[in-house]
Amino acid sequence: MSGVLAASLGGAPAQAFECSRAGCRAEATAAIRWRNPKIHAADRRKTWLACDEHLEYLRDFLSARSFPVEILAVSDLEAGR
């Protein structure tokens, strides 16, 4: 059953999202939306995914560079919010 169809019928999605930290294959629980103001327009956002273990590391990496950062639950990202 495809992911969209399975989810609409109450089944599990076909694909789990993986953490963006190099070498990590854990399931992502958070989406980190960010942009580099020097090269990205104000409406452009990039998204990294993070597991619970790497969320703080990835957020701090981006914040140290003064990039605007927004944290969402992966479920909010999947819902298109």
PDB file of N, CA and C in Angstrom:
ATOM      1  N   MET A   1       0.850  -1.164   0.000  1.00  0.00           N
ATOM      2  CA  MET A   1       0.000   0.000   0.000  1.00  0.00           C
ATOM      3  C   MET A   1       0.902   1.235   0.000  1.00  0.00           C
ATOM      4  N   SER A   2       0.593   2.239  -0.785  1.00  0.00           N
ATOM      5  CA  SER A   2       1.427   3.438  -0.841  1.00  0.00           C
ATOM      6  C   SER A   2       1.293   4.236   0.443  1.00  0.00           C
ATOM      7  N   GLY A   3       2.291   5.108   0.729  1.00  0.00           N
ATOM      8  CA  GLY A   3       2.320   5.888   1.963  1.00  0.00           C
ATOM      9  C   GLY A   3       1.095   6.754   2.153  1.00  0.00           C
ATOM     10  N   VAL A   4       0.680   7.464   1.125  1.00  0.00           N
ATOM     11  CA  VAL A   4      -0.475   8.350   1.242  1.00  0.00           C
ATOM     12  C   VAL A   4      -1.737   7.536   1.457  1.00  0.00           C
ATOM     13  N   LEU A   5      -1.916   6.483   0.686  1.00  0.00           N
ATOM     14  CA  LEU A   5      -3.105   5.651   0.830  1.00  0.00           C
ATOM     15  C   LEU A   5      -3.115   4.965   2.188  1.00  0.00           C
ATOM     16  N   ALA A   6      -1.975   4.429   2.606  1.00  0.00           N
ATOM     17  CA  ALA A   6      -1.907   3.749   3.897  1.00  0.00           C
ATOM     18  C   ALA A   6      -2.237   4.704   5.031  1.00  0.00           C
ATOM     19  N   ALA A   7      -1.681   5.915   4.982  1.00  0.00           N
ATOM     20  CA  ALA A   7      -1.942   6.890   6.035  1.00  0.00           C
ATOM     21  C   ALA A   7      -3.420   7.281   6.058  1.00  0.00           C
ATOM     22  N   SER A   8      -4.044   7.422   4.880  1.00  0.00           N
ATOM     23  CA  SER A   8      -5.451   7.814   4.847  1.00  0.00           C
ATOM     24  C   SER A   8      -6.355   6.702   5.356  1.00  0.00           C
ATOM     25  N   LEU A   9      -5.886   5.476   5.305  1.00  0.00           N
ATOM     26  CA  LEU A   9      -6.667   4.345   5.798  1.00  0.00           C
ATOM     27  C   LEU A   9      -6.283   3.976   7.231  1.00  0.00           C
ATOM     28  N   GLY A  10      -5.475   4.820   7.868  1.00  0.00           N
ATOM     29  CA  GLY A  10      -5.100   4.561   9.253  1.00  0.00           C
ATOM     30  C   GLY A  10      -3.867   3.694   9.392  1.00  0.00           C
ATOM     31  N   GLY A  11      -3.220   3.337   8.295  1.00  0.00           N
ATOM     32  CA  GLY A  11      -2.011   2.529   8.363  1.00  0.00           C
ATOM     33  C   GLY A  11      -0.782   3.387   8.566  1.00  0.00           C
ATOM     34  N   ALA A  12       0.340   2.736   8.785  1.00  0.00           N
ATOM     35  CA  ALA A  12       1.604   3.458   8.961  1.00  0.00           C
ATOM     36  C   ALA A  12       2.089   3.978   7.621  1.00  0.00           C
ATOM     37  N   PRO A  13       2.742   5.150   7.608  1.00  0.00           N
ATOM     38  CA  PRO A  13       3.309   5.643   6.358  1.00  0.00           C
ATOM     39  C   PRO A  13       4.380   4.692   5.851  1.00  0.00           C
ATOM     40  N   ALA A  14       4.568   4.662   4.546  1.00  0.00           N
ATOM     41  CA  ALA A  14       5.514   3.727   3.941  1.00  0.00           C
ATOM     42  C   ALA A  14       6.957   4.142   4.166  1.00  0.00           C
ATOM     43  N   GLN A  15       7.214   5.418   4.453  1.00  0.00           N
ATOM     44  CA  GLN A  15       8.577   5.903   4.565  1.00  0.00           C
ATOM     45  C   GLN A  15       8.765   6.654   5.873  1.00  0.00           C
ATOM     46  N   ALA A  16       9.832   6.313   6.595  1.00  0.00           N
ATOM     47  CA  ALA A  16      10.203   7.092   7.775  1.00  0.00           C
ATOM     48  C   ALA A  16      11.277   8.085   7.347  1.00  0.00           C
ATOM     49  N   PHE A  17      11.293   9.237   7.971  1.00  0.00           N
ATOM     50  CA  PHE A  17      12.283  10.249   7.655  1.00  0.00           C
ATOM     51  C   PHE A  17      13.512  10.044   8.530  1.00  0.00           C
ATOM     52  N   GLU A  18      14.709  10.154   7.936  1.00  0.00           N
ATOM     53  CA  GLU A  18      15.956   9.948   8.661  1.00  0.00           C
ATOM     54  C   GLU A  18      16.583  11.276   9.056  1.00  0.00           C
ATOM     55  N   CYS A  19      17.305  11.250  10.149  1.00  0.00           N
ATOM     56  CA  CYS A  19      18.042  12.400  10.654  1.00  0.00           C
ATOM     57  C   CYS A  19      19.066  12.865   9.613  1.00  0.00           C
ATOM     58  N   SER A  20      19.258  14.181   9.516  1.00  0.00           N
ATOM     59  CA  SER A  20      20.200  14.763   8.558  1.00  0.00           C
ATOM     60  C   SER A  20      21.641  14.791   9.068  1.00  0.00           C
ATOM     61  N   ARG A  21      21.879  14.490  10.332  1.00  0.00           N
ATOM     62  CA  ARG A  21      23.241  14.484  10.878  1.00  0.00           C
ATOM     63  C   ARG A  21      24.049  13.414  10.158  1.00  0.00           C
ATOM     64  N   ALA A  22      25.244  13.769   9.736  1.00  0.00           N
ATOM     65  CA  ALA A  22      26.110  12.842   9.001  1.00  0.00           C
ATOM     66  C   ALA A  22      26.286  11.542   9.777  1.00  0.00           C
ATOM     67  N   GLY A  23      26.044  10.429   9.101  1.00  0.00           N
ATOM     68  CA  GLY A  23      26.222   9.112   9.683  1.00  0.00           C
ATOM     69  C   GLY A  23      25.074   8.614  10.535  1.00  0.00           C
ATOM     70  N   CYS A  24      24.082   9.433  10.791  1.00  0.00           N
ATOM     71  CA  CYS A  24      22.944   9.025  11.621  1.00  0.00           C
ATOM     72  C   CYS A  24      21.820   8.525  10.725  1.00  0.00           C
ATOM     73  N   ARG A  25      21.256   7.414  11.076  1.00  0.00           N
ATOM     74  CA  ARG A  25      20.133   6.849  10.323  1.00  0.00           C
ATOM     75  C   ARG A  25      18.901   6.692  11.209  1.00  0.00           C
ATOM     76  N   ALA A  26      18.915   7.388  12.363  1.00  0.00           N
ATOM     77  CA  ALA A  26      17.777   7.316  13.282  1.00  0.00           C
ATOM     78  C   ALA A  26      16.568   8.032  12.680  1.00  0.00           C
ATOM     79  N   GLU A  27      15.406   7.663  13.141  1.00  0.00           N
ATOM     80  CA  GLU A  27      14.181   8.308  12.656  1.00  0.00           C
ATOM     81  C   GLU A  27      14.114   9.746  13.151  1.00  0.00           C
ATOM     82  N   ALA A  28      13.818  10.665  12.254  1.00  0.00           N
ATOM     83  CA  ALA A  28      13.710  12.079  12.595  1.00  0.00           C
ATOM     84  C   ALA A  28      12.399  12.350  13.317  1.00  0.00           C
ATOM     85  N   THR A  29      12.477  13.202  14.325  1.00  0.00           N
ATOM     86  CA  THR A  29      11.290  13.611  15.068  1.00  0.00           C
ATOM     87  C   THR A  29      11.018  15.100  14.903  1.00  0.00           C
ATOM     88  N   ALA A  30      12.022  15.842  14.419  1.00  0.00           N
ATOM     89  CA  ALA A  30      11.881  17.292  14.269  1.00  0.00           C
ATOM     90  C   ALA A  30      12.388  17.741  12.904  1.00  0.00           C
ATOM     91  N   ALA A  31      11.794  18.800  12.415  1.00  0.00           N
ATOM     92  CA  ALA A  31      12.235  19.439  11.174  1.00  0.00           C
ATOM     93  C   ALA A  31      12.793  20.809  11.547  1.00  0.00           C
ATOM     94  N   ILE A  32      14.003  21.081  11.080  1.00  0.00           N
ATOM     95  CA  ILE A  32      14.634  22.369  11.335  1.00  0.00           C
ATOM     96  C   ILE A  32      14.584  23.152  10.030  1.00  0.00           C
ATOM     97  N   ARG A  33      13.784  24.209  10.005  1.00  0.00           N
ATOM     98  CA  ARG A  33      13.668  25.049   8.804  1.00  0.00           C
ATOM     99  C   ARG A  33      14.566  26.248   9.010  1.00  0.00           C
ATOM    100  N   TRP A  34      15.411  26.533   8.035  1.00  0.00           N
ATOM    101  CA  TRP A  34      16.393  27.599   8.168  1.00  0.00           C
ATOM    102  C   TRP A  34      16.695  28.228   6.826  1.00  0.00           C
ATOM    103  N   ARG A  35      17.407  29.353   6.880  1.00  0.00           N
ATOM    104  CA  ARG A  35      17.874  29.987   5.657  1.00  0.00           C
ATOM    105  C   ARG A  35      19.142  30.771   5.956  1.00  0.00           C
ATOM    106  N   ASN A  36      19.947  30.954   4.941  1.00  0.00           N
ATOM    107  CA  ASN A  36      21.133  31.796   5.013  1.00  0.00           C
ATOM    108  C   ASN A  36      20.731  33.143   4.413  1.00  0.00           C
ATOM    109  N   PRO A  37      20.582  34.178   5.239  1.00  0.00           N
ATOM    110  CA  PRO A  37      20.103  35.464   4.734  1.00  0.00           C
ATOM    111  C   PRO A  37      21.005  36.088   3.674  1.00  0.00           C
ATOM    112  N   LYS A  38      22.259  35.688   3.631  1.00  0.00           N
ATOM    113  CA  LYS A  38      23.177  36.253   2.636  1.00  0.00           C
ATOM    114  C   LYS A  38      22.897  35.732   1.231  1.00  0.00           C
ATOM    115  N   ILE A  39      22.309  34.549   1.122  1.00  0.00           N
ATOM    116  CA  ILE A  39      22.092  33.971  -0.215  1.00  0.00           C
ATOM    117  C   ILE A  39      20.654  33.553  -0.497  1.00  0.00           C
ATOM    118  N   HIS A  40      19.800  33.457   0.530  1.00  0.00           N
ATOM    119  CA  HIS A  40      18.416  33.028   0.342  1.00  0.00           C
ATOM    120  C   HIS A  40      17.462  34.201   0.510  1.00  0.00           C
ATOM    121  N   ALA A  41      16.467  34.282  -0.357  1.00  0.00           N
ATOM    122  CA  ALA A  41      15.408  35.282  -0.224  1.00  0.00           C
ATOM    123  C   ALA A  41      14.649  35.027   1.081  1.00  0.00           C
ATOM    124  N   ALA A  42      13.963  36.033   1.585  1.00  0.00           N
ATOM    125  CA  ALA A  42      13.259  35.937   2.870  1.00  0.00           C
ATOM    126  C   ALA A  42      12.211  34.821   2.896  1.00  0.00           C
ATOM    127  N   ASP A  43      11.648  34.469   1.748  1.00  0.00           N
ATOM    128  CA  ASP A  43      10.615  33.426   1.706  1.00  0.00           C
ATOM    129  C   ASP A  43      11.175  32.029   1.446  1.00  0.00           C
ATOM    130  N   ARG A  44      12.484  31.900   1.282  1.00  0.00           N
ATOM    131  CA  ARG A  44      13.099  30.594   1.003  1.00  0.00           C
ATOM    132  C   ARG A  44      13.536  29.946   2.306  1.00  0.00           C
ATOM    133  N   ARG A  45      13.221  28.678   2.476  1.00  0.00           N
ATOM    134  CA  ARG A  45      13.636  27.915   3.652  1.00  0.00           C
ATOM    135  C   ARG A  45      14.215  26.580   3.206  1.00  0.00           C
ATOM    136  N   LYS A  46      15.263  26.166   3.873  1.00  0.00           N
ATOM    137  CA  LYS A  46      15.809  24.824   3.685  1.00  0.00           C
ATOM    138  C   LYS A  46      15.365  24.022   4.900  1.00  0.00           C
ATOM    139  N   THR A  47      15.324  22.716   4.772  1.00  0.00           N
ATOM    140  CA  THR A  47      14.876  21.876   5.880  1.00  0.00           C
ATOM    141  C   THR A  47      15.873  20.770   6.148  1.00  0.00           C
ATOM    142  N   TRP A  48      16.300  20.678   7.392  1.00  0.00           N
ATOM    143  CA  TRP A  48      17.072  19.539   7.880  1.00  0.00           C
ATOM    144  C   TRP A  48      16.173  18.777   8.832  1.00  0.00           C
ATOM    145  N   LEU A  49      16.341  17.482   8.883  1.00  0.00           N
ATOM    146  CA  LEU A  49      15.583  16.645   9.800  1.00  0.00           C
ATOM    147  C   LEU A  49      16.492  16.192  10.929  1.00  0.00           C
ATOM    148  N   ALA A  50      15.935  16.030  12.126  1.00  0.00           N
ATOM    149  CA  ALA A  50      16.752  15.665  13.280  1.00  0.00           C
ATOM    150  C   ALA A  50      16.058  14.640  14.157  1.00  0.00           C
ATOM    151  N   CYS A  51      16.856  13.703  14.650  1.00  0.00           N
ATOM    152  CA  CYS A  51      16.371  12.784  15.678  1.00  0.00           C
ATOM    153  C   CYS A  51      16.500  13.519  17.016  1.00  0.00           C
ATOM    154  N   ASP A  52      15.966  12.938  18.078  1.00  0.00           N
ATOM    155  CA  ASP A  52      16.030  13.586  19.389  1.00  0.00           C
ATOM    156  C   ASP A  52      17.478  13.839  19.824  1.00  0.00           C
ATOM    157  N   GLU A  53      18.364  12.909  19.525  1.00  0.00           N
ATOM    158  CA  GLU A  53      19.763  13.029  19.947  1.00  0.00           C
ATOM    159  C   GLU A  53      20.490  14.185  19.258  1.00  0.00           C
ATOM    160  N   HIS A  54      20.178  14.468  17.999  1.00  0.00           N
ATOM    161  CA  HIS A  54      20.934  15.469  17.234  1.00  0.00           C
ATOM    162  C   HIS A  54      20.222  16.809  17.033  1.00  0.00           C
ATOM    163  N   LEU A  55      19.034  16.962  17.551  1.00  0.00           N
ATOM    164  CA  LEU A  55      18.291  18.209  17.366  1.00  0.00           C
ATOM    165  C   LEU A  55      19.074  19.413  17.894  1.00  0.00           C
ATOM    166  N   GLU A  56      19.540  19.338  19.105  1.00  0.00           N
ATOM    167  CA  GLU A  56      20.264  20.463  19.695  1.00  0.00           C
ATOM    168  C   GLU A  56      21.550  20.754  18.920  1.00  0.00           C
ATOM    169  N   TYR A  57      22.281  19.722  18.527  1.00  0.00           N
ATOM    170  CA  TYR A  57      23.529  19.906  17.770  1.00  0.00           C
ATOM    171  C   TYR A  57      23.267  20.645  16.450  1.00  0.00           C
ATOM    172  N   LEU A  58      22.293  20.187  15.685  1.00  0.00           N
ATOM    173  CA  LEU A  58      22.005  20.808  14.393  1.00  0.00           C
ATOM    174  C   LEU A  58      21.466  22.230  14.554  1.00  0.00           C
ATOM    175  N   ARG A  59      20.593  22.429  15.535  1.00  0.00           N
ATOM    176  CA  ARG A  59      20.064  23.769  15.788  1.00  0.00           C
ATOM    177  C   ARG A  59      21.187  24.723  16.189  1.00  0.00           C
ATOM    178  N   ASP A  60      22.079  24.280  17.075  1.00  0.00           N
ATOM    179  CA  ASP A  60      23.198  25.123  17.515  1.00  0.00           C
ATOM    180  C   ASP A  60      24.155  25.437  16.368  1.00  0.00           C
ATOM    181  N   PHE A  61      24.383  24.470  15.479  1.00  0.00           N
ATOM    182  CA  PHE A  61      25.248  24.676  14.316  1.00  0.00           C
ATOM    183  C   PHE A  61      24.724  25.835  13.468  1.00  0.00           C
ATOM    184  N   LEU A  62      23.433  25.849  13.211  1.00  0.00           N
ATOM    185  CA  LEU A  62      22.826  26.900  12.393  1.00  0.00           C
ATOM    186  C   LEU A  62      22.733  28.223  13.150  1.00  0.00           C
ATOM    187  N   SER A  63      22.373  28.176  14.409  1.00  0.00           N
ATOM    188  CA  SER A  63      22.247  29.390  15.215  1.00  0.00           C
ATOM    189  C   SER A  63      23.592  30.086  15.391  1.00  0.00           C
ATOM    190  N   ALA A  64      24.672  29.324  15.497  1.00  0.00           N
ATOM    191  CA  ALA A  64      26.005  29.905  15.645  1.00  0.00           C
ATOM    192  C   ALA A  64      26.379  30.756  14.433  1.00  0.00           C
ATOM    193  N   ARG A  65      25.753  30.502  13.303  1.00  0.00           N
ATOM    194  CA  ARG A  65      25.995  31.255  12.077  1.00  0.00           C
ATOM    195  C   ARG A  65      24.962  32.370  11.883  1.00  0.00           C
ATOM    196  N   SER A  66      24.158  32.577  12.896  1.00  0.00           N
ATOM    197  CA  SER A  66      23.104  33.606  12.893  1.00  0.00           C
ATOM    198  C   SER A  66      22.053  33.386  11.812  1.00  0.00           C
ATOM    199  N   PHE A  67      21.815  32.116  11.444  1.00  0.00           N
ATOM    200  CA  PHE A  67      20.773  31.802  10.480  1.00  0.00           C
ATOM    201  C   PHE A  67      19.433  31.750  11.216  1.00  0.00           C
ATOM    202  N   PRO A  68      18.377  32.332  10.655  1.00  0.00           N
ATOM    203  CA  PRO A  68      17.048  32.181  11.252  1.00  0.00           C
ATOM    204  C   PRO A  68      16.647  30.701  11.244  1.00  0.00           C
ATOM    205  N   VAL A  69      16.177  30.218  12.385  1.00  0.00           N
ATOM    206  CA  VAL A  69      15.856  28.801  12.565  1.00  0.00           C
ATOM    207  C   VAL A  69      14.452  28.670  13.134  1.00  0.00           C
ATOM    208  N   GLU A  70      13.713  27.705  12.606  1.00  0.00           N
ATOM    209  CA  GLU A  70      12.376  27.371  13.108  1.00  0.00           C
ATOM    210  C   GLU A  70      12.337  25.856  13.292  1.00  0.00           C
ATOM    211  N   ILE A  71      11.828  25.390  14.425  1.00  0.00           N
ATOM    212  CA  ILE A  71      11.735  23.952  14.706  1.00  0.00           C
ATOM    213  C   ILE A  71      10.266  23.534  14.642  1.00  0.00           C
ATOM    214  N   LEU A  72      10.011  22.477  13.875  1.00  0.00           N
ATOM    215  CA  LEU A  72       8.669  21.897  13.764  1.00  0.00           C
ATOM    216  C   LEU A  72       8.743  20.410  14.044  1.00  0.00           C
ATOM    217  N   ALA A  73       7.648  19.832  14.476  1.00  0.00           N
ATOM    218  CA  ALA A  73       7.558  18.384  14.574  1.00  0.00           C
ATOM    219  C   ALA A  73       7.471  17.827  13.142  1.00  0.00           C
ATOM    220  N   VAL A  74       8.054  16.665  12.910  1.00  0.00           N
ATOM    221  CA  VAL A  74       7.989  16.042  11.583  1.00  0.00           C
ATOM    222  C   VAL A  74       6.530  15.849  11.172  1.00  0.00           C
ATOM    223  N   SER A  75       5.677  15.530  12.114  1.00  0.00           N
ATOM    224  CA  SER A  75       4.252  15.347  11.790  1.00  0.00           C
ATOM    225  C   SER A  75       3.634  16.638  11.244  1.00  0.00           C
ATOM    226  N   ASP A  76       4.076  17.796  11.720  1.00  0.00           N
ATOM    227  CA  ASP A  76       3.581  19.071  11.189  1.00  0.00           C
ATOM    228  C   ASP A  76       4.088  19.290   9.780  1.00  0.00           C
ATOM    229  N   LEU A  77       5.313  18.884   9.511  1.00  0.00           N
ATOM    230  CA  LEU A  77       5.894  19.015   8.183  1.00  0.00           C
ATOM    231  C   LEU A  77       5.149  18.123   7.197  1.00  0.00           C
ATOM    232  N   GLU A  78       4.838  16.895   7.608  1.00  0.00           N
ATOM    233  CA  GLU A  78       4.119  15.961   6.744  1.00  0.00           C
ATOM    234  C   GLU A  78       2.721  16.454   6.420  1.00  0.00           C
ATOM    235  N   ALA A  79       2.113  17.172   7.372  1.00  0.00           N
ATOM    236  CA  ALA A  79       0.767  17.677   7.165  1.00  0.00           C
ATOM    237  C   ALA A  79       0.745  18.928   6.303  1.00  0.00           C
ATOM    238  N   GLY A  80       1.940  19.415   5.934  1.00  0.00           N
ATOM    239  CA  GLY A  80       2.022  20.584   5.071  1.00  0.00           C
ATOM    240  C   GLY A  80       1.797  21.889   5.801  1.00  0.00           C
ATOM    241  N   ARG A  81       1.994  21.873   7.101  1.00  0.00           N
ATOM    242  CA  ARG A  81       1.782  23.093   7.908  1.00  0.00           C
ATOM    243  C   ARG A  81       2.975  23.977   7.860  1.00  0.00           C
TER     244      ARG A  81
END
